[in-house]
Amino acid sequence: MDIAGEKAALRQTMRRRAAELSPDYRRRASAAICENLLALPELLAAPVVFGFFPTPGEPDILPALEALLAQGKELALPRCLSAGVMEARQAERLDGLSPGAYGIPEPGPDRPLIPWGALSFAILPCVAADRRGGRLGHGGGYYDRFLTWAPPDMTAAVVCFSALLAEQIPMGPLDIPIPLVVTEKGVWREGAPAGPLPEFLGPPA
């Protein structure tokens, strides 16, 4: 099986696993993920942050995005333009977004365009990830393209429920590993635990 086939099979497996996660686990794990995310030194120092509006199957990072806005950071969210192509638009608040591609809320075309080169930190979604920074997306290619356009000094973190961590994500020659992996159980930086992993009193992964 080629890389694309391996990814498709793993995507199906992880989507089934995600559908089995309880609402209580999602709620408690999302809160811990937000806490771990906001404690990252790289995020604390970043003036311009690229985030995403979570879908029901992804960690709810909206409280973290609200906290970043309250800290005075400039927040950019994706606006989908065409298949696999998106741009970054400023979001001064999260209650003024409109449904865009796939029904996901996004800033309108009237919001200021944020150049890719202005981004200092990016928070990325996934279907699954591994501890070494391998990321499995939804298959649309939006974030794969984004990572090739992002400035070289930008730091990125993928947020993932620990229940959806894979042993290894299939990676092709063009796939870019993500430096930081943030789960409710802790943070991995370049494949290694970033300090002691906090205890998470939730359902086992």
Protein backbone atom coordinates (compact mmCIF):
# COMPACT_ATOMS: atom_id res chain seq x y z
CA MET A 1 0.00 0.00 0.00
CA ASP A 2 1.35 3.46 -0.89
CA ILE A 3 1.54 6.43 1.48
CA ALA A 4 -1.80 7.85 0.29
CA GLY A 5 -3.50 4.51 0.87
CA GLU A 6 -1.94 4.15 4.32
CA LYS A 7 -3.12 7.63 5.25
CA ALA A 8 -6.65 6.96 4.00
CA ALA A 9 -6.90 3.72 5.99
CA LEU A 10 -5.55 5.35 9.15
CA ARG A 11 -7.90 8.31 8.68
CA GLN A 12 -10.89 5.98 8.63
CA THR A 13 -9.67 4.18 11.75
CA MET A 14 -9.07 7.39 13.66
CA ARG A 15 -12.41 8.88 12.64
CA ARG A 16 -14.15 5.81 14.01
CA ARG A 17 -12.13 6.11 17.21
CA ALA A 18 -12.97 9.82 17.48
CA ALA A 19 -16.68 9.09 17.13
CA GLU A 20 -16.46 6.81 20.18
CA LEU A 21 -14.99 9.47 22.48
CA SER A 22 -17.45 10.52 25.16
CA PRO A 23 -18.63 14.13 25.49
CA ASP A 24 -17.16 14.23 29.01
CA TYR A 25 -13.75 13.13 27.77
CA ARG A 26 -13.84 15.69 24.96
CA ARG A 27 -14.80 18.48 27.36
CA ARG A 28 -12.19 17.70 30.00
CA ALA A 29 -9.45 16.89 27.50
CA SER A 30 -10.14 20.08 25.51
CA ALA A 31 -9.81 22.17 28.68
CA ALA A 32 -6.47 20.54 29.49
CA ILE A 33 -5.25 20.98 25.91
CA CYS A 34 -6.06 24.70 26.11
CA GLU A 35 -4.13 24.95 29.38
CA ASN A 36 -1.10 23.17 27.94
CA LEU A 37 -1.26 25.22 24.76
CA LEU A 38 -1.39 28.57 26.56
CA ALA A 39 1.63 27.61 28.68
CA LEU A 40 3.91 27.18 25.65
CA PRO A 41 6.76 29.74 25.79
CA GLU A 42 6.70 30.03 22.00
CA LEU A 43 3.02 30.97 22.05
CA LEU A 44 3.46 33.39 24.94
CA ALA A 45 6.09 35.24 22.92
CA ALA A 46 4.19 35.22 19.61
CA PRO A 47 2.54 38.51 18.55
CA VAL A 48 0.60 37.08 15.57
CA VAL A 49 -1.08 33.70 15.93
CA PHE A 50 -2.77 31.61 13.24
CA GLY A 51 -5.48 29.39 14.70
CA PHE A 52 -8.49 27.43 13.50
CA PHE A 53 -12.17 27.15 14.37
CA PRO A 54 -12.64 23.60 15.68
CA THR A 55 -15.16 21.17 14.23
CA PRO A 56 -17.12 18.89 16.61
CA GLY A 57 -14.54 16.11 16.24
CA GLU A 58 -11.55 18.30 17.17
CA PRO A 59 -10.36 19.66 20.52
CA ASP A 60 -12.34 22.75 21.49
CA ILE A 61 -9.61 25.39 21.47
CA LEU A 62 -12.03 28.35 21.42
CA PRO A 63 -11.27 29.23 25.09
CA ALA A 64 -7.57 29.38 24.20
CA LEU A 65 -8.27 31.62 21.20
CA GLU A 66 -10.38 33.91 23.40
CA ALA A 67 -7.52 34.05 25.90
CA LEU A 68 -5.06 35.00 23.16
CA LEU A 69 -7.34 37.83 22.05
CA ALA A 70 -7.62 38.99 25.66
CA GLN A 71 -3.81 39.06 25.84
CA GLY A 72 -3.79 41.51 22.93
CA LYS A 73 -2.39 39.12 20.36
CA GLU A 74 -3.36 39.45 16.72
CA LEU A 75 -5.36 36.37 15.77
CA ALA A 76 -5.69 35.12 12.22
CA LEU A 77 -8.08 32.38 11.11
CA PRO A 78 -8.25 30.54 7.79
CA ARG A 79 -10.61 31.57 5.03
CA CYS A 80 -10.93 28.91 2.34
CA LEU A 81 -10.69 30.18 -1.23
CA SER A 82 -10.74 27.02 -3.33
CA ALA A 83 -9.89 23.35 -3.05
CA GLY A 84 -6.79 23.07 -0.88
CA VAL A 85 -6.16 26.83 -0.82
CA MET A 86 -6.80 29.19 2.10
CA GLU A 87 -5.72 32.60 3.30
CA ALA A 88 -5.30 34.14 6.76
CA ARG A 89 -7.76 36.85 7.80
CA GLN A 90 -7.77 38.80 11.04
CA ALA A 91 -10.36 37.80 13.65
CA GLU A 92 -10.85 40.48 16.31
CA ARG A 93 -13.55 38.37 17.93
CA LEU A 94 -14.98 34.90 17.48
CA ASP A 95 -18.68 35.74 17.47
CA GLY A 96 -18.52 37.70 14.22
CA LEU A 97 -17.59 34.81 11.92
CA SER A 98 -19.68 33.40 9.09
CA PRO A 99 -20.00 29.81 7.84
CA GLY A 100 -17.57 29.18 5.02
CA ALA A 101 -16.27 26.07 3.33
CA TYR A 102 -17.59 22.88 4.94
CA GLY A 103 -19.78 25.08 7.17
CA ILE A 104 -16.82 26.06 9.36
CA PRO A 105 -17.03 29.65 10.70
CA GLU A 106 -14.40 31.92 9.19
CA PRO A 107 -13.64 35.64 8.86
CA GLY A 108 -15.26 37.41 5.94
CA PRO A 109 -13.42 38.91 2.98
CA ASP A 110 -13.80 42.35 4.58
CA ARG A 111 -11.44 41.44 7.42
CA PRO A 112 -7.76 42.45 7.02
CA LEU A 113 -5.60 39.96 5.16
CA ILE A 114 -2.66 38.72 7.24
CA PRO A 115 0.40 37.88 5.10
CA TRP A 116 1.81 34.44 5.72
CA GLY A 117 5.17 36.03 6.49
CA ALA A 118 3.67 37.93 9.45
CA LEU A 119 2.70 34.77 11.35
CA SER A 120 4.83 33.90 14.35
CA PHE A 121 2.90 30.88 15.68
CA ALA A 122 0.33 28.47 14.21
CA ILE A 123 -2.11 26.13 15.94
CA LEU A 124 -3.04 23.25 13.64
CA PRO A 125 -5.89 20.71 13.67
CA CYS A 126 -5.58 17.04 12.79
CA VAL A 127 -7.45 13.78 12.50
CA ALA A 128 -4.54 12.13 14.31
CA ALA A 129 -0.90 12.79 15.13
CA ASP A 130 2.13 11.02 16.54
CA ARG A 131 4.56 12.15 19.22
CA ARG A 132 7.27 12.93 16.66
CA GLY A 133 5.16 15.57 14.97
CA GLY A 134 3.62 13.50 12.22
CA ARG A 135 0.22 14.96 11.38
CA LEU A 136 -2.71 13.30 9.61
CA GLY A 137 -5.11 15.88 8.20
CA HIS A 138 -8.54 15.54 6.68
CA GLY A 139 -7.11 15.02 3.21
CA GLY A 140 -7.89 18.40 1.66
CA GLY A 141 -4.29 19.57 1.57
CA TYR A 142 -5.03 23.01 3.06
CA TYR A 143 -2.52 22.81 5.89
CA ASP A 144 0.06 20.94 3.83
CA ARG A 145 0.16 23.90 1.46
CA PHE A 146 0.08 26.36 4.34
CA LEU A 147 3.17 24.79 5.88
CA THR A 148 5.10 25.25 2.64
CA TRP A 149 4.14 28.95 2.56
CA ALA A 150 4.72 29.67 6.26
CA PRO A 151 7.76 31.75 7.26
CA PRO A 152 10.78 29.67 8.35
CA ASP A 153 10.87 31.29 11.81
CA MET A 154 7.22 30.45 12.57
CA THR A 155 6.60 27.83 15.26
CA ALA A 156 3.69 25.40 14.88
CA ALA A 157 1.81 23.16 17.28
CA VAL A 158 -0.72 20.47 16.42
CA VAL A 159 -3.46 19.83 19.00
CA CYS A 160 -4.67 16.27 19.38
CA PHE A 161 -6.62 14.18 21.87
CA SER A 162 -4.24 11.62 23.36
CA ALA A 163 -6.79 8.97 22.41
CA LEU A 164 -6.05 9.83 18.77
CA LEU A 165 -2.27 9.65 18.99
CA ALA A 166 -0.93 7.04 16.57
CA GLU A 167 2.30 5.12 16.97
CA GLN A 168 3.44 6.53 13.64
CA ILE A 169 1.77 8.67 11.00
CA PRO A 170 2.72 7.69 7.42
CA MET A 171 4.94 10.49 6.10
CA GLY A 172 5.84 11.17 2.49
CA PRO A 173 8.89 13.12 1.29
CA LEU A 174 6.86 16.35 1.11
CA ASP A 175 5.21 16.00 4.53
CA ILE A 176 6.48 18.47 7.13
CA PRO A 177 6.65 17.32 10.77
CA ILE A 178 5.18 19.70 13.34
CA PRO A 179 7.64 20.78 16.10
CA LEU A 180 5.09 20.71 18.93
CA VAL A 181 2.35 18.18 19.69
CA VAL A 182 -0.11 19.26 22.38
CA THR A 183 -2.47 16.78 24.05
CA GLU A 184 -4.37 16.82 27.33
CA LYS A 185 -1.63 14.68 28.87
CA GLY A 186 1.27 16.91 27.94
CA VAL A 187 3.45 18.38 25.23
CA TRP A 188 6.00 16.76 22.96
CA ARG A 189 8.69 18.95 21.45
CA GLU A 190 10.61 17.45 18.52
CA GLY A 191 9.44 14.00 19.64
CA ALA A 192 10.47 14.29 23.29
CA PRO A 193 8.33 15.18 26.33
CA ALA A 194 8.64 18.90 27.03
CA GLY A 195 9.10 18.61 30.76
CA PRO A 196 7.07 16.44 33.16
CA LEU A 197 3.74 15.39 31.70
CA PRO A 198 0.88 16.54 33.95
CA GLU A 199 -1.52 13.91 35.24
CA PHE A 200 -4.85 13.94 33.42
CA LEU A 201 -7.64 12.39 35.40
CA GLY A 202 -9.76 11.24 32.50
CA PRO A 203 -10.58 8.10 30.57
CA PRO A 204 -7.50 6.13 29.50
CA ALA A 205 -6.31 6.68 25.92
